[in-house]
């Protein structure tokens, strides 16, 4: 080592220089070291660094890098929406990318995806996946097409004395805290001459008594709240409650409902779009969507 340093110093004194090609660069970093570094970054940053050079590109595709970004319950989720036969031939990076897309299941009535930056699970249930009292009687309810729903239709209440919407879901969520939200609107929206208009003629009865929201889980967690529906012509996210998942790789059964069953007056003009489960820290984002 000493001879090498001495000869280098001698070359510099004599006006020589070290060849640029002999200097270490990013391409000389072992791929295993790059992969270990990438494990500490968020997925968007990993994808950016993959463009640095070939070594970074190869390292960014390592299975153990992307497995560290997938949620603990990813095997349950992947088999449910992608199929076990498909995931057997996919890399972990491919699985992550597929799960970040909206994936439908249960006959297309539910949708689940991973947040691209954090890998956390978000789930959406359409109105057609819910049990709505009187939904089969067109005097009361009907499904109307709309571009304002991710499922392209919503359940619309014309008029009814007693309103009740209930649902149940069993799903394997990763450990964490989750919020449950209903997406509702008073009035029927449509487009006229290219502009959005809302017909609120049938909206009535929601200012007399509040709607009761309930949530319960198979491990004993419960939440109950009451709220008057508001804002005709605007989609509003009504927070039902929160629940916590503490055990990994364990299914959680969730029961939920909204009801206004006071039969002293009729209610009408309500659009039910969906029920949403998302990480608690994401709930404020819904107001911006």
Protein backbone atom coordinates (compact mmCIF):
# COMPACT_ATOMS: atom_id res chain seq x y z
CA UNK A 1 0.00 0.00 0.00
CA UNK A 2 2.82 2.37 0.91
CA UNK A 3 4.51 1.80 -2.46
CA UNK A 4 1.27 2.58 -4.26
CA UNK A 5 0.86 5.86 -2.39
CA UNK A 6 4.51 6.74 -2.95
CA UNK A 7 4.30 6.10 -6.68
CA UNK A 8 1.13 8.17 -6.91
CA UNK A 9 2.71 11.10 -5.10
CA UNK A 10 5.74 10.78 -7.34
CA UNK A 11 3.61 10.87 -10.47
CA UNK A 12 1.82 13.99 -9.23
CA UNK A 13 5.13 15.74 -8.45
CA UNK A 14 6.44 14.93 -11.90
CA UNK A 15 3.34 16.51 -13.51
CA UNK A 16 1.58 13.22 -14.13
CA UNK A 17 -2.05 12.47 -13.30
CA UNK A 18 -4.22 9.52 -12.45
CA UNK A 19 -6.28 8.25 -15.37
CA UNK A 20 -10.00 9.12 -14.94
CA UNK A 21 -10.89 5.59 -15.96
CA UNK A 22 -9.01 4.23 -12.94
CA UNK A 23 -10.97 6.33 -10.45
CA UNK A 24 -13.85 4.60 -8.62
CA UNK A 25 -17.36 5.68 -9.66
CA UNK A 26 -20.99 4.85 -8.97
CA UNK A 27 -20.71 1.87 -11.31
CA UNK A 28 -18.11 0.32 -9.00
CA UNK A 29 -20.45 0.10 -6.01
CA UNK A 30 -21.53 -3.52 -5.43
CA UNK A 31 -25.17 -4.14 -6.30
CA UNK A 32 -25.77 -5.69 -2.89
CA UNK A 33 -24.69 -2.43 -1.23
CA UNK A 34 -26.94 -0.39 -3.53
CA UNK A 35 -29.89 -2.68 -2.79
CA UNK A 36 -29.33 -2.33 0.95
CA UNK A 37 -29.33 1.45 0.54
CA UNK A 38 -32.51 1.41 -1.54
CA UNK A 39 -34.37 -0.51 1.16
CA UNK A 40 -34.31 2.67 3.27
CA UNK A 41 -36.01 4.78 0.60
CA UNK A 42 -39.62 5.23 -0.49
CA UNK A 43 -40.73 3.52 -3.73
CA UNK A 44 -40.80 6.75 -5.82
CA UNK A 45 -37.18 7.49 -4.83
CA UNK A 46 -36.15 3.92 -5.66
CA UNK A 47 -37.60 4.30 -9.14
CA UNK A 48 -35.75 7.60 -9.64
CA UNK A 49 -32.39 6.12 -8.63
CA UNK A 50 -32.98 3.17 -10.96
CA UNK A 51 -32.18 5.53 -13.85
CA UNK A 52 -28.67 6.40 -12.56
CA UNK A 53 -26.91 3.50 -14.30
CA UNK A 54 -27.20 -0.22 -14.99
CA UNK A 55 -25.98 -1.23 -11.57
CA UNK A 56 -28.63 0.89 -9.85
CA UNK A 57 -31.26 -0.38 -12.26
CA UNK A 58 -30.45 -4.03 -11.48
CA UNK A 59 -30.22 -3.35 -7.74
CA UNK A 60 -33.57 -1.56 -7.74
CA UNK A 61 -35.26 -4.70 -9.05
CA UNK A 62 -34.07 -6.99 -6.25
CA UNK A 63 -36.90 -8.97 -4.69
CA UNK A 64 -35.82 -8.24 -1.11
CA UNK A 65 -35.97 -4.48 -1.80
CA UNK A 66 -39.61 -4.57 -2.91
CA UNK A 67 -40.68 -7.20 -0.41
CA UNK A 68 -39.68 -4.73 2.30
CA UNK A 69 -42.12 -2.21 0.77
CA UNK A 70 -45.05 -4.61 0.49
CA UNK A 71 -47.48 -4.77 3.45
CA UNK A 72 -47.33 -7.76 5.78
CA UNK A 73 -50.57 -9.09 4.33
CA UNK A 74 -49.50 -8.77 0.70
CA UNK A 75 -49.75 -12.52 0.04
CA UNK A 76 -53.42 -12.52 1.03
CA UNK A 77 -54.07 -9.40 -1.01
CA UNK A 78 -52.13 -10.57 -4.08
CA UNK A 79 -53.81 -13.96 -4.16
CA UNK A 80 -57.23 -12.32 -3.79
CA UNK A 81 -56.91 -9.85 -6.67
CA UNK A 82 -54.11 -11.23 -8.86
CA UNK A 83 -54.45 -14.99 -8.39
CA UNK A 84 -51.90 -17.41 -6.93
CA UNK A 85 -50.93 -18.73 -10.37
CA UNK A 86 -50.00 -15.23 -11.56
CA UNK A 87 -48.02 -14.15 -8.50
CA UNK A 88 -45.89 -17.32 -8.69
CA UNK A 89 -44.31 -15.99 -11.89
CA UNK A 90 -44.06 -12.33 -10.86
CA UNK A 91 -41.19 -10.47 -9.24
CA UNK A 92 -41.88 -8.56 -6.02
CA UNK A 93 -41.49 -5.30 -7.94
CA UNK A 94 -44.15 -6.41 -10.42
CA UNK A 95 -46.46 -7.43 -7.57
CA UNK A 96 -46.01 -4.03 -5.91
CA UNK A 97 -46.74 -2.20 -9.16
CA UNK A 98 -49.87 -4.27 -9.82
CA UNK A 99 -51.20 -3.80 -6.29
CA UNK A 100 -50.77 -0.03 -6.57
CA UNK A 101 -53.38 -0.06 -9.34
CA UNK A 102 -57.12 -0.15 -8.50
CA UNK A 103 -57.95 -3.87 -8.32
CA UNK A 104 -61.59 -5.01 -8.35
CA UNK A 105 -62.85 -8.10 -6.52
CA UNK A 106 -66.12 -9.64 -5.29
CA UNK A 107 -67.73 -9.37 -8.70
CA UNK A 108 -66.35 -5.89 -9.32
CA UNK A 109 -68.25 -4.38 -6.37
CA UNK A 110 -65.13 -3.68 -4.28
CA UNK A 111 -61.77 -2.11 -5.09
CA UNK A 112 -58.45 -2.26 -3.26
CA UNK A 113 -55.06 -0.70 -3.90
CA UNK A 114 -51.78 0.21 -2.22
CA UNK A 115 -50.69 3.79 -1.71
CA UNK A 116 -47.72 4.20 -4.08
CA UNK A 117 -45.52 6.01 -1.58
CA UNK A 118 -46.20 4.13 1.65
CA UNK A 119 -47.52 0.74 0.51
CA UNK A 120 -50.52 1.06 2.86
CA UNK A 121 -53.86 -0.54 1.98
CA UNK A 122 -56.95 1.42 0.91
CA UNK A 123 -60.31 -0.22 0.18
CA UNK A 124 -63.49 1.00 -1.51
CA UNK A 125 -66.93 -0.67 -1.46
CA UNK A 126 -69.56 0.36 -4.01
CA UNK A 127 -73.22 0.92 -3.21
CA UNK A 128 -73.97 -2.38 -4.97
CA UNK A 129 -71.94 -4.25 -2.35
CA UNK A 130 -74.13 -2.84 0.45
CA UNK A 131 -77.51 -4.06 1.73
CA UNK A 132 -79.95 -1.20 1.27
CA UNK A 133 -83.47 -1.58 2.63
CA UNK A 134 -85.95 -1.34 -0.24
CA UNK A 135 -83.32 -1.24 -3.00
CA UNK A 136 -85.34 -3.61 -5.20
CA UNK A 137 -88.45 -1.39 -5.13
CA UNK A 138 -88.09 1.31 -7.80
CA UNK A 139 -90.66 3.46 -6.01
CA UNK A 140 -87.97 4.15 -3.42
CA UNK A 141 -84.48 3.46 -4.74
CA UNK A 142 -82.75 3.08 -8.08
CA UNK A 143 -79.23 2.97 -9.43
CA UNK A 144 -78.32 5.94 -11.59
CA UNK A 145 -75.26 6.19 -13.87
CA UNK A 146 -72.71 8.90 -13.11
CA UNK A 147 -69.10 9.78 -13.92
CA UNK A 148 -68.68 11.05 -10.36
CA UNK A 149 -68.36 7.52 -8.96
CA UNK A 150 -65.40 5.21 -9.48
CA UNK A 151 -67.97 2.48 -10.04
CA UNK A 152 -69.92 4.64 -12.54
CA UNK A 153 -73.21 4.36 -10.65
CA UNK A 154 -74.72 5.34 -7.29
CA UNK A 155 -77.81 4.30 -5.34
CA UNK A 156 -80.37 7.13 -5.33
CA UNK A 157 -83.21 7.43 -2.82
CA UNK A 158 -86.34 9.15 -4.11
CA UNK A 159 -88.44 8.93 -0.96
CA UNK A 160 -88.83 6.56 1.98
CA UNK A 161 -89.97 6.56 5.59
CA UNK A 162 -87.16 4.42 7.02
CA UNK A 163 -83.62 4.45 5.56
CA UNK A 164 -81.01 1.82 6.41
CA UNK A 165 -77.77 0.88 4.65
CA UNK A 166 -75.67 -1.92 6.13
CA UNK A 167 -72.58 -3.83 5.10
CA UNK A 168 -70.08 -6.43 6.24
CA UNK A 169 -66.51 -7.14 5.19
CA UNK A 170 -63.89 -9.70 6.19
CA UNK A 171 -60.41 -8.70 5.12
CA UNK A 172 -56.79 -9.17 6.16
CA UNK A 173 -55.48 -5.67 6.87
CA UNK A 174 -51.86 -4.92 7.78
CA UNK A 175 -51.17 -3.77 11.33
CA UNK A 176 -52.20 -0.13 11.76
CA UNK A 177 -55.01 2.32 12.44
CA UNK A 178 -57.84 2.70 9.91
CA UNK A 179 -60.76 5.07 9.34
CA UNK A 180 -64.16 4.12 7.97
CA UNK A 181 -66.01 6.69 5.86
CA UNK A 182 -69.25 6.90 3.85
CA UNK A 183 -69.31 9.02 0.65
CA UNK A 184 -72.78 10.57 0.33
CA UNK A 185 -74.47 13.42 -1.50
CA UNK A 186 -77.82 15.16 -1.17
CA UNK A 187 -79.35 15.82 -4.59
CA UNK A 188 -78.94 14.27 -8.02
CA UNK A 189 -76.06 15.68 -10.10
CA UNK A 190 -76.05 15.82 -13.90
CA UNK A 191 -74.53 17.83 -16.74
CA UNK A 192 -76.37 20.50 -18.68
CA UNK A 193 -74.67 22.30 -21.56
CA UNK A 194 -71.36 20.95 -20.30
CA UNK A 195 -71.84 22.29 -16.77
CA UNK A 196 -72.50 20.35 -13.60
CA UNK A 197 -75.92 20.98 -12.09
CA UNK A 198 -77.61 19.38 -9.11
CA UNK A 199 -81.32 18.72 -8.78
CA UNK A 200 -82.24 19.05 -5.11
CA UNK A 201 -86.03 18.97 -5.59
CA UNK A 202 -86.40 15.63 -3.80
CA UNK A 203 -84.06 16.47 -0.92
CA UNK A 204 -86.05 16.55 2.31
CA UNK A 205 -86.22 15.14 5.82
CA UNK A 206 -82.52 15.14 6.65
CA UNK A 207 -82.65 18.28 8.80
CA UNK A 208 -85.23 16.88 11.22
CA UNK A 209 -83.28 14.02 12.79
CA UNK A 210 -79.59 13.04 12.47
CA UNK A 211 -78.34 9.94 10.69
CA UNK A 212 -76.81 7.30 12.96
CA UNK A 213 -73.52 5.71 11.86
CA UNK A 214 -72.22 2.51 13.47
CA UNK A 215 -69.08 0.40 13.16
CA UNK A 216 -67.99 -2.79 14.92
CA UNK A 217 -65.15 -5.29 14.48
CA UNK A 218 -64.76 -8.97 15.29
CA UNK A 219 -62.29 -8.18 18.10
CA UNK A 220 -64.78 -6.01 20.00
CA UNK A 221 -64.04 -2.50 18.77
CA UNK A 222 -67.13 -0.30 18.37
CA UNK A 223 -67.95 3.19 17.20
CA UNK A 224 -71.23 5.12 17.08
CA UNK A 225 -71.86 8.67 15.88
CA UNK A 226 -74.73 10.85 14.73
CA UNK A 227 -74.68 13.60 12.14
CA UNK A 228 -77.08 15.70 10.10
CA UNK A 229 -76.50 15.33 6.37
CA UNK A 230 -75.41 18.57 4.78
CA UNK A 231 -74.27 20.34 1.62
CA UNK A 232 -76.78 19.60 -1.20
CA UNK A 233 -74.92 19.12 -4.49
CA UNK A 234 -71.59 18.22 -2.87
CA UNK A 235 -70.05 14.83 -2.13
CA UNK A 236 -69.36 14.68 1.59
CA UNK A 237 -67.21 12.13 3.45
CA UNK A 238 -68.90 11.16 6.71
CA UNK A 239 -66.53 9.67 9.27
CA UNK A 240 -68.11 6.62 10.91
CA UNK A 241 -65.23 5.66 13.20
CA UNK A 242 -61.73 4.22 13.49
CA UNK A 243 -60.42 0.76 14.28
CA UNK A 244 -56.97 -0.66 15.00
CA UNK A 245 -55.43 -3.86 13.62
CA UNK A 246 -52.85 -5.27 16.03
CA UNK A 247 -52.32 -8.83 14.79
CA UNK A 248 -50.65 -9.37 11.41
CA UNK A 249 -51.96 -11.93 8.91
CA UNK A 250 -55.28 -12.21 10.76
CA UNK A 251 -58.67 -11.52 9.08
CA UNK A 252 -60.80 -8.76 10.61
CA UNK A 253 -64.58 -8.86 10.27
CA UNK A 254 -66.15 -5.41 10.03
CA UNK A 255 -69.86 -4.57 10.28
CA UNK A 256 -71.10 -1.06 9.51
CA UNK A 257 -74.29 0.87 8.89
CA UNK A 258 -76.02 4.20 8.41
CA UNK A 259 -79.64 4.59 9.41
CA UNK A 260 -82.41 7.12 9.84
CA UNK A 261 -85.36 4.98 10.91
CA UNK A 262 -87.61 7.62 12.49
CA UNK A 263 -90.91 6.92 10.69
CA UNK A 264 -92.54 10.22 11.68
CA UNK A 265 -91.36 11.80 8.43
CA UNK A 266 -90.11 10.78 4.98
CA UNK A 267 -86.60 11.28 3.65
CA UNK A 268 -85.43 11.63 0.06
CA UNK A 269 -82.91 12.90 -2.45
CA UNK A 270 -79.90 10.94 -1.11
CA UNK A 271 -77.08 9.49 -3.24
CA UNK A 272 -75.04 6.65 -1.74
CA UNK A 273 -71.77 6.17 -3.60
CA UNK A 274 -69.44 4.07 -1.48
CA UNK A 275 -67.90 3.10 1.83
CA UNK A 276 -64.17 3.65 2.27
CA UNK A 277 -61.53 2.16 4.55
CA UNK A 278 -58.16 3.91 4.58
CA UNK A 279 -55.24 4.49 6.95
CA UNK A 280 -56.31 7.05 9.55
CA UNK A 281 -53.65 9.53 8.45
CA UNK A 282 -55.13 9.52 4.92
CA UNK A 283 -58.61 10.62 6.00
CA UNK A 284 -57.93 14.32 5.46
CA UNK A 285 -56.88 13.58 1.88
CA UNK A 286 -60.43 12.48 1.07
CA UNK A 287 -61.68 16.04 1.43
CA UNK A 288 -59.27 17.10 -1.30
CA UNK A 289 -60.24 14.34 -3.76
